[in-house]
């Protein structure tokens, strides 16, 4: 007999001590048993739905597909990193490569500086030539002005002489 049926029967027996002596204890026990069987039937009827829900397999296909895709991408990256030449070099080789790169960068910078210095020197010479031309032209103009002034002075001083000689000869 189950625990609830036992409780129900023992509870009814206690009640029978208090109730009328004509009630049948067996009828009450069967009634309690009937209630317990009804409860068990409901539990057994609900069991297939509970078992189906618990045993139904979750479809992980989309999630596994996404995980597989990400793993493929990660694998490709790892292979690319693994095949990189830097990973195959020793620390000494890395040091030499860094030294070479630094020397090359310095040599390039030095070459650029020399080229720029040469370009500035050419521009300075060109500007000096232009300035020299300007000075030469100014000197030529001054010299021309002096010659003109001297020619005017000589011409003005010769004109009276030529007039005096012309009047004398004529």
N, C-alpha and C. Protein backbone atom coordinates (compact mmCIF):
# COMPACT_ATOMS: atom_id res chain seq x y z
N UNK A 1 0.86 -1.16 0.00
CA UNK A 1 0.00 0.00 0.00
C UNK A 1 0.90 1.22 0.00
N UNK A 2 0.50 2.29 -0.74
CA UNK A 2 1.34 3.48 -0.85
C UNK A 2 1.23 4.32 0.41
N UNK A 3 2.14 5.31 0.49
CA UNK A 3 2.20 6.15 1.69
C UNK A 3 0.96 6.99 1.83
N UNK A 4 0.47 7.55 0.69
CA UNK A 4 -0.74 8.39 0.80
C UNK A 4 -1.96 7.56 1.14
N UNK A 5 -2.00 6.34 0.59
CA UNK A 5 -3.14 5.46 0.91
C UNK A 5 -3.07 5.07 2.36
N UNK A 6 -1.88 4.80 2.87
CA UNK A 6 -1.73 4.44 4.26
C UNK A 6 -2.15 5.59 5.15
N UNK A 7 -1.71 6.83 4.76
CA UNK A 7 -2.08 8.00 5.55
C UNK A 7 -3.58 8.20 5.53
N UNK A 8 -4.13 8.07 4.33
CA UNK A 8 -5.58 8.27 4.21
C UNK A 8 -6.31 7.24 5.06
N UNK A 9 -5.88 5.97 4.99
CA UNK A 9 -6.57 4.91 5.74
C UNK A 9 -6.39 5.11 7.23
N UNK A 10 -5.13 5.49 7.66
CA UNK A 10 -4.91 5.68 9.09
C UNK A 10 -5.65 6.91 9.58
N UNK A 11 -5.74 7.96 8.73
CA UNK A 11 -6.49 9.16 9.11
C UNK A 11 -7.95 8.85 9.23
N UNK A 12 -8.44 7.99 8.35
CA UNK A 12 -9.84 7.64 8.39
C UNK A 12 -10.12 6.75 9.59
N UNK A 13 -9.15 5.93 9.94
CA UNK A 13 -9.36 5.07 11.09
C UNK A 13 -9.46 5.91 12.35
N UNK A 14 -8.61 7.01 12.40
CA UNK A 14 -8.70 7.89 13.55
C UNK A 14 -10.06 8.56 13.59
N UNK A 15 -10.53 8.92 12.36
CA UNK A 15 -11.84 9.56 12.29
C UNK A 15 -12.94 8.58 12.67
N UNK A 16 -12.70 7.33 12.35
CA UNK A 16 -13.74 6.34 12.66
C UNK A 16 -13.92 6.20 14.15
N UNK A 17 -12.84 6.45 14.87
CA UNK A 17 -12.98 6.40 16.31
C UNK A 17 -13.87 7.52 16.78
N UNK A 18 -13.88 8.61 16.00
CA UNK A 18 -14.66 9.76 16.40
C UNK A 18 -16.03 9.75 15.76
N UNK A 19 -16.17 9.06 14.62
CA UNK A 19 -17.45 9.08 13.89
C UNK A 19 -18.35 7.97 14.37
N UNK A 20 -19.36 7.88 13.63
CA UNK A 20 -20.37 6.89 13.99
C UNK A 20 -19.84 5.49 13.82
N UNK A 21 -20.24 4.61 14.63
CA UNK A 21 -19.74 3.25 14.57
C UNK A 21 -20.25 2.51 13.35
N UNK A 22 -21.19 3.04 12.59
CA UNK A 22 -21.76 2.31 11.47
C UNK A 22 -20.98 2.48 10.17
N UNK A 23 -20.07 3.40 10.14
CA UNK A 23 -19.32 3.61 8.90
C UNK A 23 -18.35 2.47 8.69
N UNK A 24 -18.22 2.16 7.45
CA UNK A 24 -17.36 1.04 7.11
C UNK A 24 -15.95 1.53 6.83
N UNK A 25 -14.97 1.00 7.54
CA UNK A 25 -13.57 1.39 7.34
C UNK A 25 -13.07 0.95 5.98
N UNK A 26 -13.54 -0.11 5.52
CA UNK A 26 -13.10 -0.62 4.22
C UNK A 26 -13.54 0.29 3.10
N UNK A 27 -14.74 0.84 3.19
CA UNK A 27 -15.24 1.74 2.15
C UNK A 27 -14.39 3.00 2.09
N UNK A 28 -14.01 3.49 3.23
CA UNK A 28 -13.17 4.70 3.27
C UNK A 28 -11.78 4.39 2.72
N UNK A 29 -11.23 3.27 3.00
CA UNK A 29 -9.91 2.90 2.49
C UNK A 29 -9.96 2.78 0.98
N UNK A 30 -11.05 2.16 0.45
CA UNK A 30 -11.18 2.06 -1.00
C UNK A 30 -11.33 3.44 -1.64
N UNK A 31 -11.99 4.32 -0.99
CA UNK A 31 -12.17 5.68 -1.51
C UNK A 31 -10.81 6.39 -1.55
N UNK A 32 -10.00 6.25 -0.52
CA UNK A 32 -8.67 6.85 -0.49
C UNK A 32 -7.79 6.23 -1.57
N UNK A 33 -7.93 4.90 -1.74
CA UNK A 33 -7.16 4.21 -2.77
C UNK A 33 -7.57 4.69 -4.16
N UNK A 34 -8.86 4.89 -4.35
CA UNK A 34 -9.35 5.38 -5.64
C UNK A 34 -8.76 6.77 -5.95
N UNK A 35 -8.69 7.68 -4.96
CA UNK A 35 -8.13 9.02 -5.15
C UNK A 35 -6.64 8.94 -5.51
N UNK A 36 -5.93 8.03 -4.83
CA UNK A 36 -4.51 7.87 -5.11
C UNK A 36 -4.29 7.31 -6.51
N UNK A 37 -5.08 6.35 -6.94
CA UNK A 37 -4.98 5.77 -8.28
C UNK A 37 -5.27 6.84 -9.32
N UNK A 38 -6.23 7.73 -9.06
CA UNK A 38 -6.55 8.81 -10.00
C UNK A 38 -5.35 9.76 -10.14
N UNK A 39 -4.72 10.07 -9.04
CA UNK A 39 -3.53 10.94 -9.07
C UNK A 39 -2.40 10.27 -9.84
N UNK A 40 -2.19 8.98 -9.60
CA UNK A 40 -1.15 8.25 -10.32
C UNK A 40 -1.46 8.19 -11.82
N UNK A 41 -2.73 8.01 -12.17
CA UNK A 41 -3.12 7.97 -13.58
C UNK A 41 -2.77 9.30 -14.25
N UNK A 42 -3.08 10.41 -13.59
CA UNK A 42 -2.76 11.72 -14.16
C UNK A 42 -1.25 11.88 -14.35
N UNK A 43 -0.47 11.43 -13.38
CA UNK A 43 0.98 11.52 -13.48
C UNK A 43 1.50 10.66 -14.62
N UNK A 44 0.96 9.43 -14.77
CA UNK A 44 1.39 8.53 -15.84
C UNK A 44 0.99 9.08 -17.19
N UNK A 45 -0.18 9.70 -17.30
CA UNK A 45 -0.62 10.28 -18.57
C UNK A 45 0.25 11.47 -18.96
N UNK A 46 0.75 12.24 -18.00
CA UNK A 46 1.60 13.39 -18.29
C UNK A 46 3.04 12.96 -18.58
N UNK A 47 3.42 11.76 -18.22
CA UNK A 47 4.78 11.29 -18.38
C UNK A 47 5.28 11.29 -19.83
N UNK A 48 4.52 10.83 -20.83
CA UNK A 48 5.04 10.84 -22.21
C UNK A 48 5.42 12.25 -22.69
N UNK A 49 4.64 13.26 -22.34
CA UNK A 49 4.96 14.63 -22.76
C UNK A 49 6.26 15.10 -22.11
N UNK A 50 6.41 14.74 -20.83
CA UNK A 50 7.64 15.15 -20.13
C UNK A 50 8.84 14.44 -20.71
N UNK A 51 8.70 13.12 -20.96
CA UNK A 51 9.81 12.35 -21.53
C UNK A 51 10.14 12.84 -22.93
N UNK A 52 9.14 13.15 -23.73
CA UNK A 52 9.38 13.63 -25.09
C UNK A 52 10.12 14.96 -25.07
N UNK A 53 9.72 15.85 -24.17
CA UNK A 53 10.41 17.14 -24.06
C UNK A 53 11.84 16.98 -23.60
N UNK A 54 12.08 16.01 -22.72
CA UNK A 54 13.43 15.82 -22.19
C UNK A 54 14.33 15.10 -23.18
N UNK A 55 13.75 14.21 -23.98
CA UNK A 55 14.59 13.43 -24.90
C UNK A 55 14.66 14.02 -26.29
N UNK A 56 13.88 15.07 -26.57
CA UNK A 56 13.91 15.68 -27.90
C UNK A 56 15.29 16.30 -28.11
N UNK A 57 15.96 15.94 -29.17
CA UNK A 57 17.31 16.42 -29.46
C UNK A 57 17.25 17.84 -30.01
N UNK A 58 18.11 18.68 -29.49
CA UNK A 58 18.21 20.05 -29.97
C UNK A 58 19.01 20.05 -31.27
N UNK A 59 18.57 20.84 -32.23
CA UNK A 59 19.24 20.91 -33.52
C UNK A 59 20.36 21.95 -33.43
N UNK A 60 21.58 21.47 -33.34
CA UNK A 60 22.74 22.34 -33.24
C UNK A 60 23.39 22.60 -34.59
N UNK A 61 22.78 22.23 -35.67
CA UNK A 61 23.38 22.35 -37.00
C UNK A 61 23.78 23.80 -37.33
N UNK A 62 22.89 24.79 -37.16
CA UNK A 62 23.32 26.17 -37.49
C UNK A 62 24.49 26.63 -36.63
N UNK A 63 24.45 26.32 -35.35
CA UNK A 63 25.52 26.74 -34.46
C UNK A 63 26.82 26.04 -34.83
N UNK A 64 26.75 24.75 -35.08
CA UNK A 64 27.96 24.01 -35.45
C UNK A 64 28.50 24.50 -36.79
N UNK A 65 27.61 24.87 -37.70
CA UNK A 65 28.05 25.40 -39.00
C UNK A 65 28.82 26.70 -38.82
N UNK A 66 28.31 27.58 -37.96
CA UNK A 66 29.00 28.85 -37.71
C UNK A 66 30.34 28.61 -37.04
N UNK A 67 30.38 27.69 -36.09
CA UNK A 67 31.64 27.37 -35.41
C UNK A 67 32.64 26.78 -36.41
N UNK A 68 32.19 25.91 -37.28
CA UNK A 68 33.07 25.31 -38.29
C UNK A 68 33.62 26.38 -39.23
N UNK A 69 32.77 27.34 -39.61
CA UNK A 69 33.21 28.41 -40.50
C UNK A 69 34.29 29.26 -39.83
N UNK A 70 34.07 29.62 -38.58
CA UNK A 70 35.05 30.42 -37.84
C UNK A 70 36.35 29.64 -37.66
N UNK A 71 36.23 28.35 -37.37
CA UNK A 71 37.43 27.53 -37.21
C UNK A 71 38.23 27.45 -38.51
N UNK A 72 37.54 27.39 -39.64
CA UNK A 72 38.21 27.36 -40.94
C UNK A 72 38.98 28.66 -41.16
N UNK A 73 38.35 29.78 -40.82
CA UNK A 73 39.02 31.08 -40.97
C UNK A 73 40.23 31.18 -40.05
N UNK A 74 40.07 30.73 -38.82
CA UNK A 74 41.18 30.76 -37.86
C UNK A 74 42.32 29.87 -38.36
N UNK A 75 41.97 28.71 -38.90
CA UNK A 75 42.99 27.80 -39.41
C UNK A 75 43.76 28.46 -40.56
N UNK A 76 43.05 29.16 -41.44
CA UNK A 76 43.72 29.85 -42.55
C UNK A 76 44.67 30.91 -42.03
N UNK A 77 44.26 31.64 -41.02
CA UNK A 77 45.13 32.68 -40.44
C UNK A 77 46.35 32.06 -39.79
N UNK A 78 46.13 30.97 -39.07
CA UNK A 78 47.25 30.31 -38.40
C UNK A 78 48.24 29.78 -39.42
N UNK A 79 47.75 29.22 -40.52
CA UNK A 79 48.64 28.72 -41.57
C UNK A 79 49.43 29.88 -42.18
N UNK A 80 48.76 31.01 -42.40
CA UNK A 80 49.45 32.18 -42.96
C UNK A 80 50.54 32.67 -42.01
N UNK A 81 50.22 32.70 -40.73
CA UNK A 81 51.22 33.13 -39.74
C UNK A 81 52.35 32.11 -39.67
N UNK A 82 52.00 30.87 -39.70
CA UNK A 82 52.99 29.79 -39.60
C UNK A 82 53.94 29.82 -40.79
N UNK A 83 53.45 30.19 -41.97
CA UNK A 83 54.29 30.21 -43.17
C UNK A 83 55.03 31.52 -43.35
N UNK A 84 54.86 32.47 -42.46
CA UNK A 84 55.54 33.77 -42.58
C UNK A 84 57.05 33.56 -42.40
N UNK A 85 57.86 34.19 -43.26
CA UNK A 85 59.32 33.97 -43.18
C UNK A 85 59.93 34.43 -41.85
N UNK A 86 59.30 35.39 -41.19
CA UNK A 86 59.87 35.90 -39.94
C UNK A 86 59.90 34.80 -38.87
N UNK A 87 58.96 33.88 -38.91
CA UNK A 87 58.94 32.81 -37.91
C UNK A 87 60.03 31.77 -38.15
N UNK A 88 60.57 31.76 -39.35
CA UNK A 88 61.60 30.77 -39.68
C UNK A 88 63.01 31.31 -39.41
N UNK A 89 63.09 32.59 -38.99
CA UNK A 89 64.40 33.21 -38.76
C UNK A 89 64.81 33.07 -37.29
N UNK A 90 66.12 33.02 -37.09
CA UNK A 90 66.66 32.96 -35.72
C UNK A 90 66.75 34.39 -35.19
N UNK A 91 66.94 34.56 -33.89
CA UNK A 91 67.09 35.92 -33.35
C UNK A 91 68.26 36.68 -33.97
N UNK A 92 69.33 35.98 -34.26
CA UNK A 92 70.48 36.64 -34.89
C UNK A 92 70.11 37.15 -36.28
N UNK A 93 69.37 36.33 -37.01
CA UNK A 93 68.94 36.76 -38.34
C UNK A 93 68.00 37.95 -38.24
N UNK A 94 67.13 37.94 -37.24
CA UNK A 94 66.24 39.09 -37.03
C UNK A 94 67.07 40.35 -36.76
N UNK A 95 68.09 40.21 -35.91
CA UNK A 95 68.95 41.35 -35.59
C UNK A 95 69.64 41.90 -36.83
N UNK A 96 70.17 41.00 -37.65
CA UNK A 96 70.83 41.46 -38.88
C UNK A 96 69.84 42.13 -39.83
N UNK A 97 68.64 41.56 -39.94
CA UNK A 97 67.63 42.14 -40.82
C UNK A 97 67.24 43.54 -40.33
N UNK A 98 67.09 43.69 -39.04
CA UNK A 98 66.74 45.01 -38.49
C UNK A 98 67.88 45.98 -38.73
N UNK A 99 69.12 45.52 -38.54
CA UNK A 99 70.29 46.38 -38.80
C UNK A 99 70.35 46.81 -40.25
N UNK A 100 70.12 45.86 -41.16
CA UNK A 100 70.13 46.19 -42.60
C UNK A 100 69.04 47.20 -42.93
N UNK A 101 67.85 46.97 -42.37
CA UNK A 101 66.74 47.88 -42.64
C UNK A 101 67.07 49.28 -42.13
N UNK A 102 67.67 49.36 -40.94
CA UNK A 102 68.06 50.67 -40.39
C UNK A 102 69.12 51.33 -41.25
N UNK A 103 70.11 50.57 -41.69
CA UNK A 103 71.17 51.13 -42.54
C UNK A 103 70.59 51.59 -43.88
N UNK A 104 69.69 50.80 -44.44
CA UNK A 104 69.07 51.20 -45.71
C UNK A 104 68.25 52.47 -45.55
N UNK A 105 67.50 52.55 -44.45
CA UNK A 105 66.70 53.76 -44.21
C UNK A 105 67.61 54.96 -44.03
N UNK A 106 68.71 54.78 -43.30
CA UNK A 106 69.65 55.88 -43.09
C UNK A 106 70.31 56.28 -44.40
N UNK A 107 70.68 55.29 -45.22
CA UNK A 107 71.31 55.58 -46.51
C UNK A 107 70.33 56.33 -47.41
N UNK A 108 69.07 55.93 -47.41
CA UNK A 108 68.07 56.64 -48.21
C UNK A 108 67.91 58.08 -47.74
N UNK A 109 67.86 58.26 -46.43
CA UNK A 109 67.72 59.61 -45.88
C UNK A 109 68.95 60.46 -46.23
N UNK A 110 70.14 59.87 -46.13
CA UNK A 110 71.37 60.60 -46.46
C UNK A 110 71.39 60.97 -47.94
N UNK A 111 70.96 60.04 -48.79
CA UNK A 111 70.93 60.33 -50.23
C UNK A 111 69.95 61.47 -50.51
N UNK A 112 68.79 61.43 -49.89
CA UNK A 112 67.82 62.51 -50.08
C UNK A 112 68.38 63.85 -49.61
N UNK A 113 69.09 63.83 -48.49
CA UNK A 113 69.69 65.08 -47.99
C UNK A 113 70.74 65.60 -48.97
N UNK A 114 71.58 64.71 -49.51
CA UNK A 114 72.59 65.14 -50.50
C UNK A 114 71.91 65.72 -51.73
N UNK A 115 70.88 65.03 -52.20
CA UNK A 115 70.17 65.53 -53.39
C UNK A 115 69.57 66.91 -53.13
N UNK A 116 68.98 67.08 -51.97
CA UNK A 116 68.39 68.39 -51.64
C UNK A 116 69.47 69.45 -51.49
N UNK A 117 70.61 69.09 -50.89
CA UNK A 117 71.72 70.04 -50.74
C UNK A 117 72.25 70.45 -52.12
N UNK A 118 72.39 69.49 -53.03
CA UNK A 118 72.84 69.81 -54.39
C UNK A 118 71.85 70.72 -55.09
N UNK A 119 70.56 70.42 -54.92
CA UNK A 119 69.54 71.27 -55.55
C UNK A 119 69.59 72.68 -54.98
N UNK A 120 69.79 72.81 -53.68
CA UNK A 120 69.90 74.15 -53.08
C UNK A 120 71.14 74.89 -53.58
N UNK A 121 72.23 74.15 -53.76
CA UNK A 121 73.47 74.77 -54.27
C UNK A 121 73.26 75.30 -55.68
N UNK A 122 72.59 74.49 -56.52
CA UNK A 122 72.31 74.94 -57.90
C UNK A 122 71.41 76.17 -57.89
N UNK A 123 70.41 76.17 -57.03
CA UNK A 123 69.51 77.34 -56.95
C UNK A 123 70.27 78.57 -56.47
N UNK A 124 71.15 78.38 -55.50
CA UNK A 124 71.95 79.50 -54.99
C UNK A 124 72.85 80.06 -56.09
N UNK A 125 73.48 79.18 -56.88
CA UNK A 125 74.33 79.63 -57.99
C UNK A 125 73.49 80.36 -59.03
N UNK A 126 72.31 79.83 -59.31
CA UNK A 126 71.42 80.47 -60.26
C UNK A 126 71.02 81.87 -59.78
N UNK A 127 70.66 81.97 -58.51
CA UNK A 127 70.30 83.27 -57.94
C UNK A 127 71.49 84.23 -57.95
N UNK A 128 72.69 83.71 -57.65
CA UNK A 128 73.90 84.55 -57.70
C UNK A 128 74.14 85.04 -59.12
N UNK A 129 73.89 84.18 -60.09
CA UNK A 129 74.06 84.61 -61.49
C UNK A 129 73.06 85.69 -61.85
N UNK A 130 71.82 85.54 -61.39
CA UNK A 130 70.80 86.57 -61.66
C UNK A 130 71.20 87.88 -60.98
N UNK A 131 71.65 87.78 -59.73
CA UNK A 131 72.07 88.99 -59.01
C UNK A 131 73.27 89.62 -59.70
N UNK A 132 74.19 88.78 -60.17
CA UNK A 132 75.37 89.29 -60.89
C UNK A 132 74.95 89.99 -62.17
N UNK A 133 74.01 89.45 -62.88
CA UNK A 133 73.50 90.09 -64.10
C UNK A 133 72.89 91.44 -63.78
N UNK A 134 72.13 91.48 -62.70
CA UNK A 134 71.50 92.75 -62.32
C UNK A 134 72.58 93.76 -62.00
N UNK A 135 73.60 93.33 -61.24
CA UNK A 135 74.69 94.25 -60.91
C UNK A 135 75.44 94.67 -62.17
N UNK A 136 75.66 93.74 -63.05
CA UNK A 136 76.36 94.05 -64.29
C UNK A 136 75.54 95.03 -65.12
N UNK A 137 74.26 94.83 -65.22
CA UNK A 137 73.40 95.74 -65.97
C UNK A 137 73.39 97.13 -65.34
N UNK A 138 73.34 97.15 -64.01
CA UNK A 138 73.36 98.46 -63.33
C UNK A 138 74.69 99.16 -63.59
N UNK A 139 75.76 98.38 -63.52
CA UNK A 139 77.08 98.97 -63.78
C UNK A 139 77.17 99.45 -65.23
N UNK A 140 76.60 98.66 -66.14
CA UNK A 140 76.61 99.07 -67.55
C UNK A 140 75.80 100.34 -67.74
N UNK A 141 74.65 100.44 -67.08
CA UNK A 141 73.84 101.65 -67.20
C UNK A 141 74.59 102.86 -66.63
N UNK A 142 75.24 102.67 -65.47
CA UNK A 142 76.01 103.77 -64.89
C UNK A 142 77.13 104.21 -65.83
N UNK A 143 77.79 103.22 -66.36
CA UNK A 143 78.89 103.52 -67.28
C UNK A 143 78.36 104.25 -68.51
N UNK A 144 77.22 103.79 -69.03
CA UNK A 144 76.61 104.44 -70.19
C UNK A 144 76.23 105.88 -69.86
N UNK A 145 75.67 106.08 -68.66
CA UNK A 145 75.32 107.44 -68.24
C UNK A 145 76.56 108.33 -68.16
N UNK A 146 77.64 107.78 -67.62
CA UNK A 146 78.88 108.56 -67.54
C UNK A 146 79.40 108.90 -68.93
N UNK A 147 79.34 107.90 -69.82
CA UNK A 147 79.80 108.19 -71.19
C UNK A 147 78.93 109.25 -71.84
N UNK A 148 77.63 109.16 -71.64
CA UNK A 148 76.71 110.16 -72.22
C UNK A 148 76.99 111.53 -71.63
N UNK A 149 77.16 111.58 -70.32
CA UNK A 149 77.44 112.86 -69.66
C UNK A 149 78.77 113.43 -70.17
N UNK A 150 79.75 112.56 -70.30
CA UNK A 150 81.06 113.02 -70.79
C UNK A 150 80.94 113.48 -72.24
N UNK A 151 80.14 112.75 -73.03
CA UNK A 151 79.97 113.13 -74.44
C UNK A 151 79.26 114.47 -74.53
N UNK A 152 78.27 114.68 -73.69
CA UNK A 152 77.56 115.98 -73.68
C UNK A 152 78.51 117.10 -73.27
N UNK A 153 79.30 116.81 -72.23
CA UNK A 153 80.25 117.84 -71.76
C UNK A 153 81.27 118.15 -72.84
N UNK A 154 81.80 117.10 -73.48
CA UNK A 154 82.77 117.31 -74.55
C UNK A 154 82.10 118.04 -75.72
N UNK A 155 80.86 117.60 -76.03
CA UNK A 155 80.15 118.24 -77.15
C UNK A 155 79.87 119.69 -76.87
N UNK A 156 79.48 120.01 -75.65
CA UNK A 156 79.19 121.41 -75.30
C UNK A 156 80.47 122.24 -75.29
N UNK A 157 81.57 121.60 -74.88
CA UNK A 157 82.81 122.37 -74.89
C UNK A 157 83.41 122.44 -76.29
N UNK A 158 83.15 121.53 -77.16
CA UNK A 158 83.69 121.56 -78.52
C UNK A 158 82.87 122.49 -79.41
N UNK A 159 81.59 122.62 -79.17
CA UNK A 159 80.73 123.46 -80.04
C UNK A 159 81.27 124.90 -80.09
N UNK A 160 81.62 125.54 -78.98
CA UNK A 160 82.15 126.91 -79.10
C UNK A 160 83.47 126.93 -79.86
N UNK A 161 84.29 125.90 -79.69
CA UNK A 161 85.56 125.85 -80.42
C UNK A 161 85.32 125.72 -81.92
N UNK A 162 84.39 124.84 -82.27
CA UNK A 162 84.10 124.63 -83.70
C UNK A 162 83.53 125.93 -84.27
N UNK A 163 82.74 126.65 -83.54
CA UNK A 163 82.18 127.89 -84.00
C UNK A 163 83.28 128.95 -84.18
N UNK A 164 84.16 128.97 -83.23
CA UNK A 164 85.24 129.93 -83.31
C UNK A 164 86.15 129.60 -84.50
N UNK A 165 86.42 128.37 -84.71
CA UNK A 165 87.24 127.98 -85.85
C UNK A 165 86.51 128.18 -87.15
N UNK A 166 85.25 127.97 -87.16
CA UNK A 166 84.49 128.14 -88.37
C UNK A 166 84.43 129.63 -88.74
N UNK A 167 84.29 130.47 -87.81
CA UNK A 167 84.26 131.88 -88.10
C UNK A 167 85.64 132.35 -88.50
N UNK A 168 86.60 131.76 -88.02
CA UNK A 168 87.96 132.08 -88.34
C UNK A 168 88.30 131.60 -89.74
N UNK A 169 87.91 130.55 -90.13
CA UNK A 169 88.20 129.97 -91.43
C UNK A 169 87.26 130.55 -92.48
N UNK A 170 86.27 130.94 -92.20
CA UNK A 170 85.35 131.45 -93.20
C UNK A 170 85.45 132.90 -93.27
